[in-house]
Amino acid sequence: MRFNHLDLNLLVALDVLLEEQNITRAANRLHMTQSALSGILRRLRTYFEDDLLVQVGRTMVPTLLGKDLQIPVREVLLKIQTSIAAKPVFDVTQSKRHFRIMASDYLINVLFAEVIHRISAEASHVTFELLSPGETAVEMLMRGEIDLMIAPEQHINADHPSQLLFEEQHVCVVWEGNTTVKDPVTLENYLDMGHVVAAFGRSRTPAIEEWFMNQYGCKRRLEVITHDFNTIPHLLIGTQRIATMHSRLATLYAQLLPLRLLPPPVQLPVMREYMAWHRSLDGDAMLAWLRKKLLDTVHSFEAPAQA
């Protein structure tokens, strides 16, 4: 397809080039030789009358026009994909849609295991790729590289559509043999105990820490820091430590491991998990169907047990 003498297929290459800023990596992604991609870059430079990417040392850096084109080019390609290439009518029983979803291990355990089981019974050809959240999660959503992101509301980008999925409380969790914990847990007892926490990203600072500092001017004693939520219960067994966990996940593990659930010594803020998707997917019927499946599954669950 051509528009104003521009081969729109070249925009696919430009999109990858602006993202990778490296001929070798871009060529690998596009399954072509470096010389072929260099030829495409020359054609793009001629059309736009700009270098678009310039070599600086061992890296390529976008020019001002290259930077300005990055978002519009991605938006055009996503619009073509969702409005022209997508089928207007869908049959879930025949669909071979592959969903790329970004969600934490906590969500995979308490929600997605059941959602995927239910969908497989109705749409056996639908497949899933579950990606771990990272520092580039929002960027991947904005580039249209994932179909859906599920994250706490503070990580949701206002430029794209989102919908509340559920609200979550927190509970304290200890090993059944813990002799240092009081019932009920006092704030002094809570702060004196060693804590097991999950931390993510470069800052490695759990969200509750910032809240405690703002509210009480103090921090918990973090004795074990892990990289996911599902290892926390296992790291409590046989210790005198305590953890503050999502209520749904804690309730699940209390059925499997010798754990006790206790109310926190203070009223912790409610966590709200949101579904977010790229605005170009707003009319995607299959994605709307998936979001409804997620909501229906949440609503079908019994309210989480209170400690």
C-alpha atoms as a PDB file:
ATOM      1  CA  MET A   1       0.000   0.000   0.000  1.00  0.00           C
ATOM      2  CA  ARG A   2       1.260   3.472  -0.859  1.00  0.00           C
ATOM      3  CA  PHE A   3       0.291   6.851   0.510  1.00  0.00           C
ATOM      4  CA  ASN A   4       1.703  10.002  -1.015  1.00  0.00           C
ATOM      5  CA  HIS A   5       4.401   7.881  -2.687  1.00  0.00           C
ATOM      6  CA  LEU A   6       5.334   6.250   0.653  1.00  0.00           C
ATOM      7  CA  ASP A   7       5.267   2.463   0.794  1.00  0.00           C
ATOM      8  CA  LEU A   8       3.429   1.882   4.084  1.00  0.00           C
ATOM      9  CA  ASN A   9       5.360  -1.355   4.561  1.00  0.00           C
ATOM     10  CA  LEU A  10       8.382   0.851   5.219  1.00  0.00           C
ATOM     11  CA  LEU A  11       6.639   2.195   8.329  1.00  0.00           C
ATOM     12  CA  VAL A  12       6.884  -1.266   9.891  1.00  0.00           C
ATOM     13  CA  ALA A  13      10.657  -1.111   9.487  1.00  0.00           C
ATOM     14  CA  LEU A  14      10.777   2.482  10.721  1.00  0.00           C
ATOM     15  CA  ASP A  15       8.797   1.555  13.812  1.00  0.00           C
ATOM     16  CA  VAL A  16      11.267  -1.212  14.708  1.00  0.00           C
ATOM     17  CA  LEU A  17      14.299   0.934  13.869  1.00  0.00           C
ATOM     18  CA  LEU A  18      13.124   3.772  16.116  1.00  0.00           C
ATOM     19  CA  GLU A  19      12.481   1.335  18.945  1.00  0.00           C
ATOM     20  CA  GLU A  20      15.690  -0.718  18.687  1.00  0.00           C
ATOM     21  CA  GLN A  21      17.996   2.119  17.526  1.00  0.00           C
ATOM     22  CA  ASN A  22      20.282  -0.606  16.215  1.00  0.00           C
ATOM     23  CA  ILE A  23      20.463  -2.019  12.679  1.00  0.00           C
ATOM     24  CA  THR A  24      21.461  -5.529  13.754  1.00  0.00           C
ATOM     25  CA  ARG A  25      18.699  -5.978  16.358  1.00  0.00           C
ATOM     26  CA  ALA A  26      16.082  -4.385  14.086  1.00  0.00           C
ATOM     27  CA  ALA A  27      17.075  -6.633  11.173  1.00  0.00           C
ATOM     28  CA  ASN A  28      16.795  -9.722  13.395  1.00  0.00           C
ATOM     29  CA  ARG A  29      13.304  -8.708  14.500  1.00  0.00           C
ATOM     30  CA  LEU A  30      12.226  -8.058  10.928  1.00  0.00           C
ATOM     31  CA  HIS A  31      13.809 -11.297   9.654  1.00  0.00           C
ATOM     32  CA  MET A  32      15.894  -9.554   7.005  1.00  0.00           C
ATOM     33  CA  THR A  33      19.565  -8.903   6.336  1.00  0.00           C
ATOM     34  CA  GLN A  34      21.332  -5.834   7.696  1.00  0.00           C
ATOM     35  CA  SER A  35      22.110  -4.650   4.153  1.00  0.00           C
ATOM     36  CA  ALA A  36      18.423  -4.894   3.180  1.00  0.00           C
ATOM     37  CA  LEU A  37      17.388  -2.901   6.236  1.00  0.00           C
ATOM     38  CA  SER A  38      20.091  -0.307   5.554  1.00  0.00           C
ATOM     39  CA  GLY A  39      18.578   0.094   2.087  1.00  0.00           C
ATOM     40  CA  ILE A  40      15.129   0.629   3.622  1.00  0.00           C
ATOM     41  CA  LEU A  41      16.568   3.241   5.977  1.00  0.00           C
ATOM     42  CA  ARG A  42      18.041   5.084   2.984  1.00  0.00           C
ATOM     43  CA  ARG A  43      14.609   5.115   1.305  1.00  0.00           C
ATOM     44  CA  LEU A  44      13.008   6.448   4.487  1.00  0.00           C
ATOM     45  CA  ARG A  45      15.648   9.166   4.779  1.00  0.00           C
ATOM     46  CA  THR A  46      14.999  10.203   1.197  1.00  0.00           C
ATOM     47  CA  TYR A  47      11.231  10.357   1.709  1.00  0.00           C
ATOM     48  CA  PHE A  48      11.362  12.323   4.984  1.00  0.00           C
ATOM     49  CA  GLU A  49      14.388  14.397   3.914  1.00  0.00           C
ATOM     50  CA  ASP A  50      15.942  13.702   7.287  1.00  0.00           C
ATOM     51  CA  ASP A  51      18.522  11.259   8.672  1.00  0.00           C
ATOM     52  CA  LEU A  52      15.919   9.920  11.187  1.00  0.00           C
ATOM     53  CA  LEU A  53      18.673   7.965  13.010  1.00  0.00           C
ATOM     54  CA  VAL A  54      22.315   9.026  13.283  1.00  0.00           C
ATOM     55  CA  GLN A  55      25.316   7.044  14.475  1.00  0.00           C
ATOM     56  CA  VAL A  56      26.776   8.299  17.767  1.00  0.00           C
ATOM     57  CA  GLY A  57      29.615   6.062  18.849  1.00  0.00           C
ATOM     58  CA  ARG A  58      28.293   2.500  18.785  1.00  0.00           C
ATOM     59  CA  THR A  59      24.643   3.459  19.054  1.00  0.00           C
ATOM     60  CA  MET A  60      22.087   5.114  16.811  1.00  0.00           C
ATOM     61  CA  VAL A  61      20.223   8.130  18.125  1.00  0.00           C
ATOM     62  CA  PRO A  62      16.949   9.462  16.653  1.00  0.00           C
ATOM     63  CA  THR A  63      16.980  12.946  15.212  1.00  0.00           C
ATOM     64  CA  LEU A  64      14.341  15.429  16.371  1.00  0.00           C
ATOM     65  CA  LEU A  65      12.092  14.320  13.509  1.00  0.00           C
ATOM     66  CA  GLY A  66      12.780  10.665  14.325  1.00  0.00           C
ATOM     67  CA  LYS A  67      11.642  11.248  17.904  1.00  0.00           C
ATOM     68  CA  ASP A  68       8.554  13.116  16.698  1.00  0.00           C
ATOM     69  CA  LEU A  69       7.638  10.263  14.343  1.00  0.00           C
ATOM     70  CA  GLN A  70       7.964   7.426  16.880  1.00  0.00           C
ATOM     71  CA  ILE A  71       4.513   7.681  18.475  1.00  0.00           C
ATOM     72  CA  PRO A  72       2.551   8.639  15.297  1.00  0.00           C
ATOM     73  CA  VAL A  73       4.102   5.747  13.330  1.00  0.00           C
ATOM     74  CA  ARG A  74       3.202   3.241  16.040  1.00  0.00           C
ATOM     75  CA  GLU A  75      -0.320   4.694  16.264  1.00  0.00           C
ATOM     76  CA  VAL A  76      -0.820   4.348  12.487  1.00  0.00           C
ATOM     77  CA  LEU A  77       0.331   0.721  12.481  1.00  0.00           C
ATOM     78  CA  LEU A  78      -1.877  -0.154  15.450  1.00  0.00           C
ATOM     79  CA  LYS A  79      -4.854   1.535  13.790  1.00  0.00           C
ATOM     80  CA  ILE A  80      -4.312  -0.492  10.623  1.00  0.00           C
ATOM     81  CA  GLN A  81      -3.952  -3.682  12.643  1.00  0.00           C
ATOM     82  CA  THR A  82      -7.095  -3.182  14.713  1.00  0.00           C
ATOM     83  CA  SER A  83      -9.418  -1.511  12.181  1.00  0.00           C
ATOM     84  CA  ILE A  84      -8.434  -2.951   8.809  1.00  0.00           C
ATOM     85  CA  ALA A  85      -6.638  -6.239   9.487  1.00  0.00           C
ATOM     86  CA  ALA A  86      -8.931  -7.311  12.350  1.00  0.00           C
ATOM     87  CA  LYS A  87     -12.093  -9.243  11.561  1.00  0.00           C
ATOM     88  CA  PRO A  88     -15.253  -7.282  12.492  1.00  0.00           C
ATOM     89  CA  VAL A  89     -17.132 -10.419  13.554  1.00  0.00           C
ATOM     90  CA  PHE A  90     -15.646 -13.090  15.791  1.00  0.00           C
ATOM     91  CA  ASP A  91     -16.592 -16.563  16.936  1.00  0.00           C
ATOM     92  CA  VAL A  92     -14.834 -17.407  20.209  1.00  0.00           C
ATOM     93  CA  THR A  93     -15.182 -21.130  19.568  1.00  0.00           C
ATOM     94  CA  GLN A  94     -13.107 -20.792  16.395  1.00  0.00           C
ATOM     95  CA  SER A  95     -10.839 -17.920  17.375  1.00  0.00           C
ATOM     96  CA  LYS A  96      -7.081 -18.511  17.443  1.00  0.00           C
ATOM     97  CA  ARG A  97      -6.349 -15.239  19.183  1.00  0.00           C
ATOM     98  CA  HIS A  98      -3.106 -15.079  21.151  1.00  0.00           C
ATOM     99  CA  PHE A  99      -3.394 -12.711  24.108  1.00  0.00           C
ATOM    100  CA  ARG A 100      -0.293 -11.081  25.587  1.00  0.00           C
ATOM    101  CA  ILE A 101      -1.125 -10.037  29.143  1.00  0.00           C
ATOM    102  CA  MET A 102       1.075  -8.380  31.726  1.00  0.00           C
ATOM    103  CA  ALA A 103       0.204  -9.472  35.268  1.00  0.00           C
ATOM    104  CA  SER A 104       2.022 -10.284  38.499  1.00  0.00           C
ATOM    105  CA  ASP A 105       2.486 -13.792  39.834  1.00  0.00           C
ATOM    106  CA  TYR A 106      -0.073 -12.890  42.524  1.00  0.00           C
ATOM    107  CA  LEU A 107      -2.712 -12.299  39.822  1.00  0.00           C
ATOM    108  CA  ILE A 108      -1.762 -15.456  37.955  1.00  0.00           C
ATOM    109  CA  ASN A 109      -2.380 -17.506  41.100  1.00  0.00           C
ATOM    110  CA  VAL A 110      -5.582 -15.925  42.368  1.00  0.00           C
ATOM    111  CA  LEU A 111      -7.238 -15.101  39.042  1.00  0.00           C
ATOM    112  CA  PHE A 112      -5.675 -16.206  35.782  1.00  0.00           C
ATOM    113  CA  ALA A 113      -5.417 -19.899  36.577  1.00  0.00           C
ATOM    114  CA  GLU A 114      -9.216 -19.970  36.852  1.00  0.00           C
ATOM    115  CA  VAL A 115      -9.855 -17.562  33.958  1.00  0.00           C
ATOM    116  CA  ILE A 116      -7.719 -19.582  31.549  1.00  0.00           C
ATOM    117  CA  HIS A 117      -9.407 -22.800  32.683  1.00  0.00           C
ATOM    118  CA  ARG A 118     -12.850 -21.301  31.982  1.00  0.00           C
ATOM    119  CA  ILE A 119     -11.859 -19.842  28.623  1.00  0.00           C
ATOM    120  CA  SER A 120     -10.263 -23.104  27.479  1.00  0.00           C
ATOM    121  CA  ALA A 121     -13.589 -24.852  27.980  1.00  0.00           C
ATOM    122  CA  GLU A 122     -15.327 -22.296  25.751  1.00  0.00           C
ATOM    123  CA  ALA A 123     -12.616 -21.239  23.301  1.00  0.00           C
ATOM    124  CA  SER A 124     -10.072 -24.031  23.107  1.00  0.00           C
ATOM    125  CA  HIS A 125      -7.954 -22.382  20.381  1.00  0.00           C
ATOM    126  CA  VAL A 126      -7.336 -19.145  22.299  1.00  0.00           C
ATOM    127  CA  THR A 127      -3.808 -18.979  23.727  1.00  0.00           C
ATOM    128  CA  PHE A 128      -2.122 -16.822  26.347  1.00  0.00           C
ATOM    129  CA  GLU A 129       1.266 -15.346  27.080  1.00  0.00           C
ATOM    130  CA  LEU A 130       1.584 -14.020  30.633  1.00  0.00           C
ATOM    131  CA  LEU A 131       4.365 -11.463  31.049  1.00  0.00           C
ATOM    132  CA  SER A 132       5.898 -10.316  34.326  1.00  0.00           C
ATOM    133  CA  PRO A 133       5.565  -6.610  35.115  1.00  0.00           C
ATOM    134  CA  GLY A 134       8.739  -4.585  34.848  1.00  0.00           C
ATOM    135  CA  GLU A 135       9.958  -1.036  34.572  1.00  0.00           C
ATOM    136  CA  THR A 136       8.971  -0.964  30.882  1.00  0.00           C
ATOM    137  CA  ALA A 137       5.395  -2.170  31.476  1.00  0.00           C
ATOM    138  CA  VAL A 138       3.734   1.166  30.698  1.00  0.00           C
ATOM    139  CA  GLU A 139       5.987   1.693  27.679  1.00  0.00           C
ATOM    140  CA  MET A 140       5.022  -1.746  26.316  1.00  0.00           C
ATOM    141  CA  LEU A 141       1.361  -0.858  26.733  1.00  0.00           C
ATOM    142  CA  MET A 142       1.823   2.475  24.982  1.00  0.00           C
ATOM    143  CA  ARG A 143       3.665   0.783  22.108  1.00  0.00           C
ATOM    144  CA  GLY A 144       0.835  -1.728  21.733  1.00  0.00           C
ATOM    145  CA  GLU A 145       3.121  -4.687  22.491  1.00  0.00           C
ATOM    146  CA  ILE A 146       0.663  -6.185  24.976  1.00  0.00           C
ATOM    147  CA  ASP A 147      -3.094  -6.611  24.782  1.00  0.00           C
ATOM    148  CA  LEU A 148      -3.823  -6.012  28.442  1.00  0.00           C
ATOM    149  CA  MET A 149      -2.007  -4.862  31.560  1.00  0.00           C
ATOM    150  CA  ILE A 150      -3.383  -5.493  35.040  1.00  0.00           C
ATOM    151  CA  ALA A 151      -1.788  -3.376  37.730  1.00  0.00           C
ATOM    152  CA  PRO A 152      -2.520  -1.244  40.803  1.00  0.00           C
ATOM    153  CA  GLU A 153      -4.100   2.095  39.985  1.00  0.00           C
ATOM    154  CA  GLN A 154      -0.909   4.097  40.606  1.00  0.00           C
ATOM    155  CA  HIS A 155       0.679   2.359  37.597  1.00  0.00           C
ATOM    156  CA  ILE A 156      -2.191   3.090  35.205  1.00  0.00           C
ATOM    157  CA  ASN A 157      -1.572   5.627  32.425  1.00  0.00           C
ATOM    158  CA  ALA A 158      -4.415   8.122  32.017  1.00  0.00           C
ATOM    159  CA  ASP A 159      -3.782   8.367  28.260  1.00  0.00           C
ATOM    160  CA  HIS A 160      -5.233   4.893  27.675  1.00  0.00           C
ATOM    161  CA  PRO A 161      -8.538   3.246  28.665  1.00  0.00           C
ATOM    162  CA  SER A 162      -8.756   1.362  31.944  1.00  0.00           C
ATOM    163  CA  GLN A 163     -11.356  -0.374  34.101  1.00  0.00           C
ATOM    164  CA  LEU A 164     -11.447  -1.370  37.760  1.00  0.00           C
ATOM    165  CA  LEU A 165     -11.128  -5.154  38.112  1.00  0.00           C
ATOM    166  CA  PHE A 166     -11.289  -5.605  41.889  1.00  0.00           C
ATOM    167  CA  GLU A 167     -10.263  -4.182  45.243  1.00  0.00           C
ATOM    168  CA  GLU A 168      -7.898  -5.976  47.605  1.00  0.00           C
ATOM    169  CA  GLN A 169      -7.169  -5.805  51.326  1.00  0.00           C
ATOM    170  CA  HIS A 170      -3.988  -6.845  53.138  1.00  0.00           C
ATOM    171  CA  VAL A 171      -3.484  -9.299  56.004  1.00  0.00           C
ATOM    172  CA  CYS A 172      -0.537 -10.271  58.172  1.00  0.00           C
ATOM    173  CA  VAL A 173       0.817 -13.793  57.706  1.00  0.00           C
ATOM    174  CA  VAL A 174       3.037 -15.824  60.050  1.00  0.00           C
ATOM    175  CA  TRP A 175       4.118 -19.440  60.447  1.00  0.00           C
ATOM    176  CA  GLU A 176       1.828 -21.400  62.774  1.00  0.00           C
ATOM    177  CA  GLY A 177       4.767 -22.001  65.120  1.00  0.00           C
ATOM    178  CA  ASN A 178       5.660 -18.307  65.428  1.00  0.00           C
ATOM    179  CA  THR A 179       5.952 -17.570  69.175  1.00  0.00           C
ATOM    180  CA  THR A 180       6.794 -13.860  68.939  1.00  0.00           C
ATOM    181  CA  VAL A 181       3.612 -12.643  67.290  1.00  0.00           C
ATOM    182  CA  LYS A 182       0.800 -11.288  69.447  1.00  0.00           C
ATOM    183  CA  ASP A 183      -2.895 -11.744  68.730  1.00  0.00           C
ATOM    184  CA  PRO A 184      -3.954  -9.139  67.896  1.00  0.00           C
ATOM    185  CA  VAL A 185      -0.733  -7.777  66.443  1.00  0.00           C
ATOM    186  CA  THR A 186       0.193  -4.405  67.907  1.00  0.00           C
ATOM    187  CA  LEU A 187       2.047  -1.792  65.875  1.00  0.00           C
ATOM    188  CA  GLU A 188       5.031  -2.106  68.241  1.00  0.00           C
ATOM    189  CA  ASN A 189       5.040  -5.898  67.846  1.00  0.00           C
ATOM    190  CA  TYR A 190       4.677  -5.546  64.081  1.00  0.00           C
ATOM    191  CA  LEU A 191       7.620  -3.154  63.749  1.00  0.00           C
ATOM    192  CA  ASP A 192       9.824  -5.213  66.101  1.00  0.00           C
ATOM    193  CA  MET A 193       9.462  -8.353  64.029  1.00  0.00           C
ATOM    194  CA  GLY A 194      11.543  -9.211  60.970  1.00  0.00           C
ATOM    195  CA  HIS A 195       9.582  -8.921  57.720  1.00  0.00           C
ATOM    196  CA  VAL A 196       9.531 -10.863  54.464  1.00  0.00           C
ATOM    197  CA  VAL A 197       8.611  -8.662  51.492  1.00  0.00           C
ATOM    198  CA  ALA A 198       8.533  -8.667  47.706  1.00  0.00           C
ATOM    199  CA  ALA A 199      10.223  -5.777  45.934  1.00  0.00           C
ATOM    200  CA  PHE A 200      10.424  -4.937  42.251  1.00  0.00           C
ATOM    201  CA  GLY A 201      12.383  -2.598  40.019  1.00  0.00           C
ATOM    202  CA  ARG A 202      15.560  -0.648  40.592  1.00  0.00           C
ATOM    203  CA  SER A 203      14.374   1.084  43.737  1.00  0.00           C
ATOM    204  CA  ARG A 204      13.542  -2.281  45.379  1.00  0.00           C
ATOM    205  CA  THR A 205      11.233  -0.379  47.739  1.00  0.00           C
ATOM    206  CA  PRO A 206       7.927  -2.096  48.642  1.00  0.00           C
ATOM    207  CA  ALA A 207       4.933   0.244  48.321  1.00  0.00           C
ATOM    208  CA  ILE A 208       3.883  -0.243  51.955  1.00  0.00           C
ATOM    209  CA  GLU A 209       7.238   1.167  53.117  1.00  0.00           C
ATOM    210  CA  GLU A 210       6.506   4.548  51.560  1.00  0.00           C
ATOM    211  CA  TRP A 211       3.048   4.551  53.145  1.00  0.00           C
ATOM    212  CA  PHE A 212       4.458   3.720  56.610  1.00  0.00           C
ATOM    213  CA  MET A 213       7.001   6.505  56.320  1.00  0.00           C
ATOM    214  CA  ASN A 214       4.330   9.030  55.350  1.00  0.00           C
ATOM    215  CA  GLN A 215       1.901   7.923  58.071  1.00  0.00           C
ATOM    216  CA  TYR A 216       4.165   6.993  60.967  1.00  0.00           C
ATOM    217  CA  GLY A 217       7.661   8.150  60.071  1.00  0.00           C
ATOM    218  CA  CYS A 218       9.028   4.629  60.517  1.00  0.00           C
ATOM    219  CA  LYS A 219      10.033   1.593  58.485  1.00  0.00           C
ATOM    220  CA  ARG A 220       9.599  -2.127  58.917  1.00  0.00           C
ATOM    221  CA  ARG A 221      12.672  -4.278  59.545  1.00  0.00           C
ATOM    222  CA  LEU A 222      13.086  -6.004  56.197  1.00  0.00           C
ATOM    223  CA  GLU A 223      15.014  -9.237  56.811  1.00  0.00           C
ATOM    224  CA  VAL A 224      14.173 -11.099  53.588  1.00  0.00           C
ATOM    225  CA  ILE A 225      13.449  -9.414  50.243  1.00  0.00           C
ATOM    226  CA  THR A 226      12.250 -11.650  47.432  1.00  0.00           C
ATOM    227  CA  HIS A 227      11.397 -11.009  43.774  1.00  0.00           C
ATOM    228  CA  ASP A 228       7.812 -12.290  43.664  1.00  0.00           C
ATOM    229  CA  PHE A 229       4.717 -12.669  45.835  1.00  0.00           C
ATOM    230  CA  ASN A 230       4.409 -16.446  45.711  1.00  0.00           C
ATOM    231  CA  THR A 231       7.686 -17.133  47.515  1.00  0.00           C
ATOM    232  CA  ILE A 232       6.718 -15.066  50.566  1.00  0.00           C
ATOM    233  CA  PRO A 233       4.615 -17.762  52.336  1.00  0.00           C
ATOM    234  CA  HIS A 234       7.344 -20.390  51.898  1.00  0.00           C
ATOM    235  CA  LEU A 235       9.956 -18.048  53.381  1.00  0.00           C
ATOM    236  CA  LEU A 236       7.873 -17.688  56.574  1.00  0.00           C
ATOM    237  CA  ILE A 237       7.780 -21.405  57.409  1.00  0.00           C
ATOM    238  CA  GLY A 238       9.927 -22.278  60.427  1.00  0.00           C
ATOM    239  CA  THR A 239      10.758 -18.635  61.206  1.00  0.00           C
ATOM    240  CA  GLN A 240       9.638 -15.915  63.614  1.00  0.00           C
ATOM    241  CA  ARG A 241       9.135 -13.454  60.764  1.00  0.00           C
ATOM    242  CA  ILE A 242       5.945 -11.805  59.523  1.00  0.00           C
ATOM    243  CA  ALA A 243       4.691 -10.729  56.089  1.00  0.00           C
ATOM    244  CA  THR A 244       1.946  -8.414  54.875  1.00  0.00           C
ATOM    245  CA  MET A 245       0.224 -10.021  51.907  1.00  0.00           C
ATOM    246  CA  HIS A 246      -2.723  -9.596  49.575  1.00  0.00           C
ATOM    247  CA  SER A 247      -5.713 -11.158  51.299  1.00  0.00           C
ATOM    248  CA  ARG A 248      -6.679 -13.398  48.372  1.00  0.00           C
ATOM    249  CA  LEU A 249      -3.200 -14.858  47.982  1.00  0.00           C
ATOM    250  CA  ALA A 250      -2.694 -15.275  51.734  1.00  0.00           C
ATOM    251  CA  THR A 251      -6.025 -17.113  52.042  1.00  0.00           C
ATOM    252  CA  LEU A 252      -5.015 -19.434  49.203  1.00  0.00           C
ATOM    253  CA  TYR A 253      -1.683 -20.327  50.801  1.00  0.00           C
ATOM    254  CA  ALA A 254      -3.196 -20.744  54.274  1.00  0.00           C
ATOM    255  CA  GLN A 255      -5.076 -23.728  52.822  1.00  0.00           C
ATOM    256  CA  LEU A 256      -1.805 -25.314  51.688  1.00  0.00           C
ATOM    257  CA  LEU A 257       0.792 -24.383  54.303  1.00  0.00           C
ATOM    258  CA  PRO A 258       0.904 -24.125  58.145  1.00  0.00           C
ATOM    259  CA  LEU A 259       0.200 -20.395  58.265  1.00  0.00           C
ATOM    260  CA  ARG A 260      -1.855 -18.031  60.428  1.00  0.00           C
ATOM    261  CA  LEU A 261      -3.615 -14.953  59.095  1.00  0.00           C
ATOM    262  CA  LEU A 262      -3.968 -11.926  61.366  1.00  0.00           C
ATOM    263  CA  PRO A 263      -5.401  -8.429  60.894  1.00  0.00           C
ATOM    264  CA  PRO A 264      -2.759  -5.707  60.384  1.00  0.00           C
ATOM    265  CA  PRO A 265      -2.154  -3.452  63.404  1.00  0.00           C
ATOM    266  CA  VAL A 266      -3.209  -0.401  61.363  1.00  0.00           C
ATOM    267  CA  GLN A 267      -5.720   0.231  58.602  1.00  0.00           C
ATOM    268  CA  LEU A 268      -3.712  -0.233  55.428  1.00  0.00           C
ATOM    269  CA  PRO A 269      -4.878   1.450  52.202  1.00  0.00           C
ATOM    270  CA  VAL A 270      -7.101  -0.585  49.879  1.00  0.00           C
ATOM    271  CA  MET A 271      -5.325  -1.736  46.724  1.00  0.00           C
ATOM    272  CA  ARG A 272      -7.273  -1.376  43.485  1.00  0.00           C
ATOM    273  CA  GLU A 273      -6.303  -3.546  40.528  1.00  0.00           C
ATOM    274  CA  TYR A 274      -7.124  -2.094  37.107  1.00  0.00           C
ATOM    275  CA  MET A 275      -7.208  -3.515  33.597  1.00  0.00           C
ATOM    276  CA  ALA A 276      -5.598  -1.200  31.033  1.00  0.00           C
ATOM    277  CA  TRP A 277      -5.274  -1.462  27.252  1.00  0.00           C
ATOM    278  CA  HIS A 278      -4.040   0.644  24.358  1.00  0.00           C
ATOM    279  CA  ARG A 279      -6.666   3.088  23.102  1.00  0.00           C
ATOM    280  CA  SER A 280      -6.380   1.601  19.597  1.00  0.00           C
ATOM    281  CA  LEU A 281      -7.841  -1.638  21.040  1.00  0.00           C
ATOM    282  CA  ASP A 282     -10.934   0.073  22.426  1.00  0.00           C
ATOM    283  CA  GLY A 283     -13.087  -1.426  19.667  1.00  0.00           C
ATOM    284  CA  ASP A 284     -11.493  -4.876  19.814  1.00  0.00           C
ATOM    285  CA  ALA A 285     -14.414  -7.238  20.405  1.00  0.00           C
ATOM    286  CA  MET A 286     -12.237 -10.175  21.461  1.00  0.00           C
ATOM    287  CA  LEU A 287     -10.421  -8.066  24.021  1.00  0.00           C
ATOM    288  CA  ALA A 288     -13.750  -6.785  25.377  1.00  0.00           C
ATOM    289  CA  TRP A 289     -14.848 -10.438  25.658  1.00  0.00           C
ATOM    290  CA  LEU A 290     -11.682 -11.267  27.637  1.00  0.00           C
ATOM    291  CA  ARG A 291     -12.198  -8.325  29.993  1.00  0.00           C
ATOM    292  CA  LYS A 292     -15.752  -9.469  30.665  1.00  0.00           C
ATOM    293  CA  LYS A 293     -14.464 -12.976  31.407  1.00  0.00           C
ATOM    294  CA  LEU A 294     -12.062 -11.509  33.949  1.00  0.00           C
ATOM    295  CA  LEU A 295     -14.811  -9.478  35.612  1.00  0.00           C
ATOM    296  CA  ASP A 296     -17.227 -12.423  35.615  1.00  0.00           C
ATOM    297  CA  THR A 297     -14.603 -14.629  37.250  1.00  0.00           C
ATOM    298  CA  VAL A 298     -13.868 -12.043  39.936  1.00  0.00           C
ATOM    299  CA  HIS A 299     -17.572 -11.649  40.683  1.00  0.00           C
ATOM    300  CA  SER A 300     -18.031 -15.426  40.884  1.00  0.00           C
ATOM    301  CA  PHE A 301     -15.451 -15.791  43.627  1.00  0.00           C
ATOM    302  CA  GLU A 302     -16.600 -15.662  47.207  1.00  0.00           C
ATOM    303  CA  ALA A 303     -15.431 -12.632  49.162  1.00  0.00           C
ATOM    304  CA  PRO A 304     -11.943 -13.300  50.554  1.00  0.00           C
ATOM    305  CA  ALA A 305     -11.933 -14.719  54.079  1.00  0.00           C
ATOM    306  CA  GLN A 306     -11.279 -12.167  56.784  1.00  0.00           C
ATOM    307  CA  ALA A 307      -8.669 -12.925  59.362  1.00  0.00           C
END
